[in-house]
Amino acid sequence: MKRTLTLIVLLLAMTVIGRTQELFSVQVKDGQRWPAAEADKLYLSACKVMEQEFGLAEPIRPRITLVLGAENDEAAFAQREIRLTRWNAYLFAQGVAIFAFEDLMDRGRVLAIARRAVTWSNATVEIRTGSKQKNRN
């Protein structure tokens, strides 16, 4: 019985560890400490807010890497990295939201929106009033 209970606890622990690793990957430079549980909570919270904001029925989970100890705080889109000089909850949440939004907007949709913006801008007519009109009384 004790052996079975130990096995179950071990499997649950491995499941939790595996779940954390599935959310996003982390690279830590210079041995920086960071709150893994808080980062997981922020990641899921930012995803949930994006889902609610855009009325999504399916969960969105952007694949990202958090890099701590970077030279600058930035989002590296090509590498899908949130680079932070040190842990910052607000910048991390912003980065997650940015990458979640990027996942919402596939290339075809971005091109369609751009095309629609150009079409709309060409369809507008400027109306001028004022000193150029003459009063005919």
C-alpha atoms as a PDB file:
ATOM      1  CA  MET A   1       0.000   0.000   0.000  1.00  0.00           C
ATOM      2  CA  LYS A   2       2.768   2.409   0.926  1.00  0.00           C
ATOM      3  CA  ARG A   3       4.611   1.606  -2.296  1.00  0.00           C
ATOM      4  CA  THR A   4       1.473   2.242  -4.365  1.00  0.00           C
ATOM      5  CA  LEU A   5       0.862   5.555  -2.621  1.00  0.00           C
ATOM      6  CA  THR A   6       4.484   6.600  -3.232  1.00  0.00           C
ATOM      7  CA  LEU A   7       4.134   5.687  -6.909  1.00  0.00           C
ATOM      8  CA  ILE A   8       0.938   7.735  -7.235  1.00  0.00           C
ATOM      9  CA  VAL A   9       2.527  10.769  -5.571  1.00  0.00           C
ATOM     10  CA  LEU A  10       5.568  10.435  -7.819  1.00  0.00           C
ATOM     11  CA  LEU A  11       3.391  10.240 -10.942  1.00  0.00           C
ATOM     12  CA  LEU A  12       1.396  13.290  -9.853  1.00  0.00           C
ATOM     13  CA  ALA A  13       4.593  15.247  -9.223  1.00  0.00           C
ATOM     14  CA  MET A  14       5.919  14.296 -12.658  1.00  0.00           C
ATOM     15  CA  THR A  15       2.628  15.367 -14.217  1.00  0.00           C
ATOM     16  CA  VAL A  16       2.793  18.769 -12.515  1.00  0.00           C
ATOM     17  CA  ILE A  17       6.437  19.236 -13.563  1.00  0.00           C
ATOM     18  CA  GLY A  18       5.604  18.180 -17.112  1.00  0.00           C
ATOM     19  CA  ARG A  19       2.649  20.579 -17.203  1.00  0.00           C
ATOM     20  CA  THR A  20       4.849  23.482 -16.140  1.00  0.00           C
ATOM     21  CA  GLN A  21       7.369  22.672 -18.825  1.00  0.00           C
ATOM     22  CA  GLU A  22       4.613  22.573 -21.446  1.00  0.00           C
ATOM     23  CA  LEU A  23       3.492  26.159 -20.815  1.00  0.00           C
ATOM     24  CA  PHE A  24       6.736  27.854 -21.844  1.00  0.00           C
ATOM     25  CA  SER A  25      10.450  27.253 -21.676  1.00  0.00           C
ATOM     26  CA  VAL A  26      12.919  29.261 -19.618  1.00  0.00           C
ATOM     27  CA  GLN A  27      16.571  30.180 -20.051  1.00  0.00           C
ATOM     28  CA  VAL A  28      18.211  31.738 -17.027  1.00  0.00           C
ATOM     29  CA  LYS A  29      21.535  33.538 -17.346  1.00  0.00           C
ATOM     30  CA  ASP A  30      23.772  34.537 -14.451  1.00  0.00           C
ATOM     31  CA  GLY A  31      21.926  32.257 -12.021  1.00  0.00           C
ATOM     32  CA  GLN A  32      19.019  34.654 -11.581  1.00  0.00           C
ATOM     33  CA  ARG A  33      16.214  33.551  -9.298  1.00  0.00           C
ATOM     34  CA  TRP A  34      12.660  33.823 -10.524  1.00  0.00           C
ATOM     35  CA  PRO A  35       9.228  32.782  -9.242  1.00  0.00           C
ATOM     36  CA  ALA A  36       8.279  29.799 -11.400  1.00  0.00           C
ATOM     37  CA  ALA A  37       4.822  29.403  -9.844  1.00  0.00           C
ATOM     38  CA  GLU A  38       4.061  33.116 -10.323  1.00  0.00           C
ATOM     39  CA  ALA A  39       5.259  32.947 -13.936  1.00  0.00           C
ATOM     40  CA  ASP A  40       2.974  29.975 -14.649  1.00  0.00           C
ATOM     41  CA  LYS A  41       0.042  31.791 -13.041  1.00  0.00           C
ATOM     42  CA  LEU A  42       0.747  34.977 -15.033  1.00  0.00           C
ATOM     43  CA  TYR A  43       1.096  33.039 -18.287  1.00  0.00           C
ATOM     44  CA  LEU A  44      -2.276  31.331 -17.831  1.00  0.00           C
ATOM     45  CA  SER A  45      -3.894  34.571 -16.660  1.00  0.00           C
ATOM     46  CA  ALA A  46      -2.640  36.532 -19.685  1.00  0.00           C
ATOM     47  CA  CYS A  47      -3.891  33.768 -21.991  1.00  0.00           C
ATOM     48  CA  LYS A  48      -7.306  33.754 -20.289  1.00  0.00           C
ATOM     49  CA  VAL A  49      -7.630  37.529 -20.607  1.00  0.00           C
ATOM     50  CA  MET A  50      -6.813  37.304 -24.332  1.00  0.00           C
ATOM     51  CA  GLU A  51      -9.383  34.533 -24.763  1.00  0.00           C
ATOM     52  CA  GLN A  52     -12.046  36.677 -23.073  1.00  0.00           C
ATOM     53  CA  GLU A  53     -11.037  39.854 -24.907  1.00  0.00           C
ATOM     54  CA  PHE A  54     -11.406  38.197 -28.318  1.00  0.00           C
ATOM     55  CA  GLY A  55     -14.297  35.882 -27.428  1.00  0.00           C
ATOM     56  CA  LEU A  56     -12.354  32.695 -28.106  1.00  0.00           C
ATOM     57  CA  ALA A  57     -13.942  29.353 -27.365  1.00  0.00           C
ATOM     58  CA  GLU A  58     -10.639  27.495 -27.592  1.00  0.00           C
ATOM     59  CA  PRO A  59      -7.727  28.175 -25.221  1.00  0.00           C
ATOM     60  CA  ILE A  60      -4.729  29.976 -26.652  1.00  0.00           C
ATOM     61  CA  ARG A  61      -1.274  28.951 -25.464  1.00  0.00           C
ATOM     62  CA  PRO A  62       1.536  30.710 -27.337  1.00  0.00           C
ATOM     63  CA  ARG A  63       4.829  28.838 -27.510  1.00  0.00           C
ATOM     64  CA  ILE A  64       7.414  31.146 -25.987  1.00  0.00           C
ATOM     65  CA  THR A  65      10.732  31.141 -24.218  1.00  0.00           C
ATOM     66  CA  LEU A  66      11.402  33.378 -21.248  1.00  0.00           C
ATOM     67  CA  VAL A  67      15.032  34.540 -21.189  1.00  0.00           C
ATOM     68  CA  LEU A  68      16.159  36.048 -17.890  1.00  0.00           C
ATOM     69  CA  GLY A  69      19.432  37.943 -17.696  1.00  0.00           C
ATOM     70  CA  ALA A  70      19.115  39.402 -21.189  1.00  0.00           C
ATOM     71  CA  GLU A  71      20.847  42.634 -22.165  1.00  0.00           C
ATOM     72  CA  ASN A  72      17.515  44.427 -22.779  1.00  0.00           C
ATOM     73  CA  ASP A  73      13.853  43.978 -21.964  1.00  0.00           C
ATOM     74  CA  GLU A  74      12.317  43.055 -25.311  1.00  0.00           C
ATOM     75  CA  ALA A  75      10.170  40.658 -27.290  1.00  0.00           C
ATOM     76  CA  ALA A  76      12.158  38.834 -29.974  1.00  0.00           C
ATOM     77  CA  PHE A  77       9.501  37.801 -32.461  1.00  0.00           C
ATOM     78  CA  ALA A  78      11.651  35.626 -34.740  1.00  0.00           C
ATOM     79  CA  GLN A  79      12.829  33.546 -31.762  1.00  0.00           C
ATOM     80  CA  ARG A  80       9.501  33.858 -29.890  1.00  0.00           C
ATOM     81  CA  GLU A  81      11.364  35.003 -26.795  1.00  0.00           C
ATOM     82  CA  ILE A  82      10.446  37.352 -23.982  1.00  0.00           C
ATOM     83  CA  ARG A  83      13.830  38.728 -22.941  1.00  0.00           C
ATOM     84  CA  LEU A  84      14.063  40.359 -19.540  1.00  0.00           C
ATOM     85  CA  THR A  85      17.101  41.772 -17.762  1.00  0.00           C
ATOM     86  CA  ARG A  86      15.506  40.555 -14.529  1.00  0.00           C
ATOM     87  CA  TRP A  87      12.126  39.142 -13.548  1.00  0.00           C
ATOM     88  CA  ASN A  88       9.297  41.633 -14.102  1.00  0.00           C
ATOM     89  CA  ALA A  89       5.730  40.344 -13.824  1.00  0.00           C
ATOM     90  CA  TYR A  90       4.214  43.175 -15.879  1.00  0.00           C
ATOM     91  CA  LEU A  91       6.660  42.870 -18.766  1.00  0.00           C
ATOM     92  CA  PHE A  92       6.257  39.093 -18.797  1.00  0.00           C
ATOM     93  CA  ALA A  93       2.443  39.378 -18.922  1.00  0.00           C
ATOM     94  CA  GLN A  94       2.736  41.955 -21.724  1.00  0.00           C
ATOM     95  CA  GLY A  95       5.009  39.622 -23.672  1.00  0.00           C
ATOM     96  CA  VAL A  96       2.619  36.693 -23.289  1.00  0.00           C
ATOM     97  CA  ALA A  97      -0.270  38.882 -24.494  1.00  0.00           C
ATOM     98  CA  ILE A  98       1.761  40.056 -27.499  1.00  0.00           C
ATOM     99  CA  PHE A  99       2.632  36.522 -28.566  1.00  0.00           C
ATOM    100  CA  ALA A 100      -0.932  35.323 -27.937  1.00  0.00           C
ATOM    101  CA  PHE A 101      -2.190  38.137 -30.164  1.00  0.00           C
ATOM    102  CA  GLU A 102       0.356  37.221 -32.822  1.00  0.00           C
ATOM    103  CA  ASP A 103      -0.957  33.645 -32.762  1.00  0.00           C
ATOM    104  CA  LEU A 104      -4.506  34.951 -33.250  1.00  0.00           C
ATOM    105  CA  MET A 105      -3.491  36.825 -36.365  1.00  0.00           C
ATOM    106  CA  ASP A 106      -2.209  34.329 -38.916  1.00  0.00           C
ATOM    107  CA  ARG A 107      -0.411  35.703 -41.973  1.00  0.00           C
ATOM    108  CA  GLY A 108      -3.486  35.476 -44.203  1.00  0.00           C
ATOM    109  CA  ARG A 109      -5.615  37.431 -41.758  1.00  0.00           C
ATOM    110  CA  VAL A 110      -2.942  40.140 -41.395  1.00  0.00           C
ATOM    111  CA  LEU A 111      -2.804  40.514 -45.185  1.00  0.00           C
ATOM    112  CA  ALA A 112      -6.606  40.670 -45.420  1.00  0.00           C
ATOM    113  CA  ILE A 113      -6.736  43.413 -42.783  1.00  0.00           C
ATOM    114  CA  ALA A 114      -3.993  45.370 -44.557  1.00  0.00           C
ATOM    115  CA  ARG A 115      -5.832  45.038 -47.866  1.00  0.00           C
ATOM    116  CA  ARG A 116      -9.074  46.220 -46.261  1.00  0.00           C
ATOM    117  CA  ALA A 117      -7.291  49.210 -44.665  1.00  0.00           C
ATOM    118  CA  VAL A 118      -5.875  50.279 -48.044  1.00  0.00           C
ATOM    119  CA  THR A 119      -9.260  49.841 -49.719  1.00  0.00           C
ATOM    120  CA  TRP A 120     -11.013  51.879 -47.048  1.00  0.00           C
ATOM    121  CA  SER A 121      -8.425  54.655 -47.185  1.00  0.00           C
ATOM    122  CA  ASN A 122      -8.851  54.907 -50.963  1.00  0.00           C
ATOM    123  CA  ALA A 123     -12.635  54.950 -50.621  1.00  0.00           C
ATOM    124  CA  THR A 124     -12.795  58.006 -48.387  1.00  0.00           C
ATOM    125  CA  VAL A 125     -13.473  61.432 -49.795  1.00  0.00           C
ATOM    126  CA  GLU A 126     -12.311  64.589 -48.096  1.00  0.00           C
ATOM    127  CA  ILE A 127     -14.923  67.283 -47.763  1.00  0.00           C
ATOM    128  CA  ARG A 128     -13.657  70.818 -47.408  1.00  0.00           C
ATOM    129  CA  THR A 129     -15.707  73.762 -46.310  1.00  0.00           C
ATOM    130  CA  GLY A 130     -14.759  77.241 -45.378  1.00  0.00           C
ATOM    131  CA  SER A 131     -13.173  80.260 -47.046  1.00  0.00           C
ATOM    132  CA  LYS A 132     -13.200  78.878 -50.609  1.00  0.00           C
ATOM    133  CA  GLN A 133     -16.983  78.933 -50.754  1.00  0.00           C
ATOM    134  CA  LYS A 134     -18.526  82.190 -51.917  1.00  0.00           C
ATOM    135  CA  ASN A 135     -21.617  83.617 -50.389  1.00  0.00           C
ATOM    136  CA  ARG A 136     -24.224  84.245 -53.128  1.00  0.00           C
ATOM    137  CA  ASN A 137     -26.771  86.623 -51.675  1.00  0.00           C
END
